[in-house]
Amino acid sequence: MMSPDSFHFTVTVPGDPRLVGVVRDLCAHAAGYARLSSEAAAALAARVSAAAEEATAGRHDVMCPLDFACDAGELRVTVAGQTITQPLGV
C-alpha cells in the first residue's frame, strides 16, 4: 500500500540530457506526494536534476535508472547509483 510517507517506484529513462526535465518533473511529483515544502522539493529536484545531468553527460547510449523510495522519515532518490536524500517534514 502506498501512502505519502511510504512508497517506492522505479523508472528508467534513456540517457539523454534532453530528458533531464522529465527527471526533474518526476522528482517534483514524488516530493509533492511526500508533502515536502515547496522549498525542500525544489532543492531536491535541483540536486536530482544535477545528478541526472552528470549521469547522462555525453552518454546517449546508456539508460538512466531512477529509484524513488520514501520511508523511515526520508525521501531517497537514486540516480544511476547516486543516492540523494531529503528528510520529510522539512
C-alpha atoms as a PDB file:
ATOM      1  CA  MET A   1       0.000   0.000   0.000  1.00  0.00           C
ATOM      2  CA  MET A   2       1.262   3.473  -0.874  1.00  0.00           C
ATOM      3  CA  SER A   3       0.997   6.480   1.382  1.00  0.00           C
ATOM      4  CA  PRO A   4       2.724   9.881   1.391  1.00  0.00           C
ATOM      5  CA  ASP A   5       5.299   8.650   3.902  1.00  0.00           C
ATOM      6  CA  SER A   6       5.786   5.155   2.467  1.00  0.00           C
ATOM      7  CA  PHE A   7       6.148   4.477  -1.255  1.00  0.00           C
ATOM      8  CA  HIS A   8       8.609   3.102  -3.763  1.00  0.00           C
ATOM      9  CA  PHE A   9       8.835   3.179  -7.543  1.00  0.00           C
ATOM     10  CA  THR A  10      11.490   2.754 -10.194  1.00  0.00           C
ATOM     11  CA  VAL A  11      11.688   4.350 -13.626  1.00  0.00           C
ATOM     12  CA  THR A  12      14.339   4.064 -16.311  1.00  0.00           C
ATOM     13  CA  VAL A  13      14.776   6.840 -18.848  1.00  0.00           C
ATOM     14  CA  PRO A  14      17.112   6.998 -21.832  1.00  0.00           C
ATOM     15  CA  GLY A  15      20.460   8.580 -21.034  1.00  0.00           C
ATOM     16  CA  ASP A  16      19.666  11.716 -22.973  1.00  0.00           C
ATOM     17  CA  PRO A  17      20.430  15.111 -21.415  1.00  0.00           C
ATOM     18  CA  ARG A  18      17.285  16.488 -23.097  1.00  0.00           C
ATOM     19  CA  LEU A  19      15.251  14.301 -20.707  1.00  0.00           C
ATOM     20  CA  VAL A  20      16.602  15.878 -17.514  1.00  0.00           C
ATOM     21  CA  GLY A  21      13.376  17.889 -17.375  1.00  0.00           C
ATOM     22  CA  VAL A  22      11.431  14.631 -17.200  1.00  0.00           C
ATOM     23  CA  VAL A  23      13.601  13.523 -14.273  1.00  0.00           C
ATOM     24  CA  ARG A  24      13.028  16.895 -12.564  1.00  0.00           C
ATOM     25  CA  ASP A  25       9.244  16.562 -13.039  1.00  0.00           C
ATOM     26  CA  LEU A  26       9.181  13.010 -11.651  1.00  0.00           C
ATOM     27  CA  CYS A  27      11.125  14.200  -8.632  1.00  0.00           C
ATOM     28  CA  ALA A  28       8.756  17.140  -8.141  1.00  0.00           C
ATOM     29  CA  HIS A  29       5.753  14.788  -8.214  1.00  0.00           C
ATOM     30  CA  ALA A  30       7.356  12.422  -5.690  1.00  0.00           C
ATOM     31  CA  ALA A  31       8.281  15.359  -3.436  1.00  0.00           C
ATOM     32  CA  GLY A  32       4.752  16.733  -3.651  1.00  0.00           C
ATOM     33  CA  TYR A  33       3.251  13.350  -2.821  1.00  0.00           C
ATOM     34  CA  ALA A  34       5.622  13.084   0.159  1.00  0.00           C
ATOM     35  CA  ARG A  35       4.354  16.510   1.277  1.00  0.00           C
ATOM     36  CA  LEU A  36       7.732  18.238   1.215  1.00  0.00           C
ATOM     37  CA  SER A  37       7.655  22.013   1.473  1.00  0.00           C
ATOM     38  CA  SER A  38       7.978  23.809  -1.848  1.00  0.00           C
ATOM     39  CA  GLU A  39      11.495  24.931  -0.900  1.00  0.00           C
ATOM     40  CA  ALA A  40      12.628  21.422   0.055  1.00  0.00           C
ATOM     41  CA  ALA A  41      11.003  19.960  -3.066  1.00  0.00           C
ATOM     42  CA  ALA A  42      12.736  22.497  -5.317  1.00  0.00           C
ATOM     43  CA  ALA A  43      16.110  21.859  -3.660  1.00  0.00           C
ATOM     44  CA  LEU A  44      15.709  18.085  -4.012  1.00  0.00           C
ATOM     45  CA  ALA A  45      14.640  18.406  -7.660  1.00  0.00           C
ATOM     46  CA  ALA A  46      17.698  20.580  -8.359  1.00  0.00           C
ATOM     47  CA  ARG A  47      20.062  18.036  -6.771  1.00  0.00           C
ATOM     48  CA  VAL A  48      18.407  15.130  -8.604  1.00  0.00           C
ATOM     49  CA  SER A  49      18.499  17.045 -11.902  1.00  0.00           C
ATOM     50  CA  ALA A  50      22.212  17.756 -11.443  1.00  0.00           C
ATOM     51  CA  ALA A  51      22.868  14.059 -10.783  1.00  0.00           C
ATOM     52  CA  ALA A  52      20.883  13.122 -13.906  1.00  0.00           C
ATOM     53  CA  GLU A  53      22.828  15.638 -15.990  1.00  0.00           C
ATOM     54  CA  GLU A  54      26.084  14.212 -14.691  1.00  0.00           C
ATOM     55  CA  ALA A  55      24.976  10.621 -15.321  1.00  0.00           C
ATOM     56  CA  THR A  56      23.928  11.350 -18.906  1.00  0.00           C
ATOM     57  CA  ALA A  57      26.644  13.795 -19.962  1.00  0.00           C
ATOM     58  CA  GLY A  58      27.994  12.596 -23.304  1.00  0.00           C
ATOM     59  CA  ARG A  59      26.434   9.147 -22.841  1.00  0.00           C
ATOM     60  CA  HIS A  60      23.396   8.991 -25.121  1.00  0.00           C
ATOM     61  CA  ASP A  61      23.742   5.219 -25.450  1.00  0.00           C
ATOM     62  CA  VAL A  62      23.070   4.333 -21.786  1.00  0.00           C
ATOM     63  CA  MET A  63      19.901   4.138 -19.729  1.00  0.00           C
ATOM     64  CA  CYS A  64      19.466   6.194 -16.564  1.00  0.00           C
ATOM     65  CA  PRO A  65      17.739   4.216 -13.780  1.00  0.00           C
ATOM     66  CA  LEU A  66      15.830   6.229 -11.170  1.00  0.00           C
ATOM     67  CA  ASP A  67      14.679   4.769  -7.872  1.00  0.00           C
ATOM     68  CA  PHE A  68      12.291   6.749  -5.655  1.00  0.00           C
ATOM     69  CA  ALA A  69      11.804   5.447  -2.096  1.00  0.00           C
ATOM     70  CA  CYS A  70      10.093   7.100   0.818  1.00  0.00           C
ATOM     71  CA  ASP A  71      10.198   5.558   4.277  1.00  0.00           C
ATOM     72  CA  ALA A  72      11.877   5.956   7.645  1.00  0.00           C
ATOM     73  CA  GLY A  73      11.202   9.697   7.564  1.00  0.00           C
ATOM     74  CA  GLU A  74      13.024  10.499   4.331  1.00  0.00           C
ATOM     75  CA  LEU A  75      12.623  10.571   0.574  1.00  0.00           C
ATOM     76  CA  ARG A  76      15.517   8.941  -1.274  1.00  0.00           C
ATOM     77  CA  VAL A  77      16.121   9.283  -4.990  1.00  0.00           C
ATOM     78  CA  THR A  78      18.833   7.168  -6.555  1.00  0.00           C
ATOM     79  CA  VAL A  79      20.036   8.328  -9.967  1.00  0.00           C
ATOM     80  CA  ALA A  80      22.371   5.943 -11.783  1.00  0.00           C
ATOM     81  CA  GLY A  81      23.704   4.672  -8.443  1.00  0.00           C
ATOM     82  CA  GLN A  82      23.975   8.054  -6.670  1.00  0.00           C
ATOM     83  CA  THR A  83      21.505   8.440  -3.769  1.00  0.00           C
ATOM     84  CA  ILE A  84      20.142  11.838  -2.779  1.00  0.00           C
ATOM     85  CA  THR A  85      18.080  12.119   0.418  1.00  0.00           C
ATOM     86  CA  GLN A  86      15.651  14.649   1.818  1.00  0.00           C
ATOM     87  CA  PRO A  87      14.117  14.383   5.296  1.00  0.00           C
ATOM     88  CA  LEU A  88      10.327  14.510   5.401  1.00  0.00           C
ATOM     89  CA  GLY A  89       8.585  17.287   7.244  1.00  0.00           C
ATOM     90  CA  VAL A  90      11.060  19.897   6.062  1.00  0.00           C
END
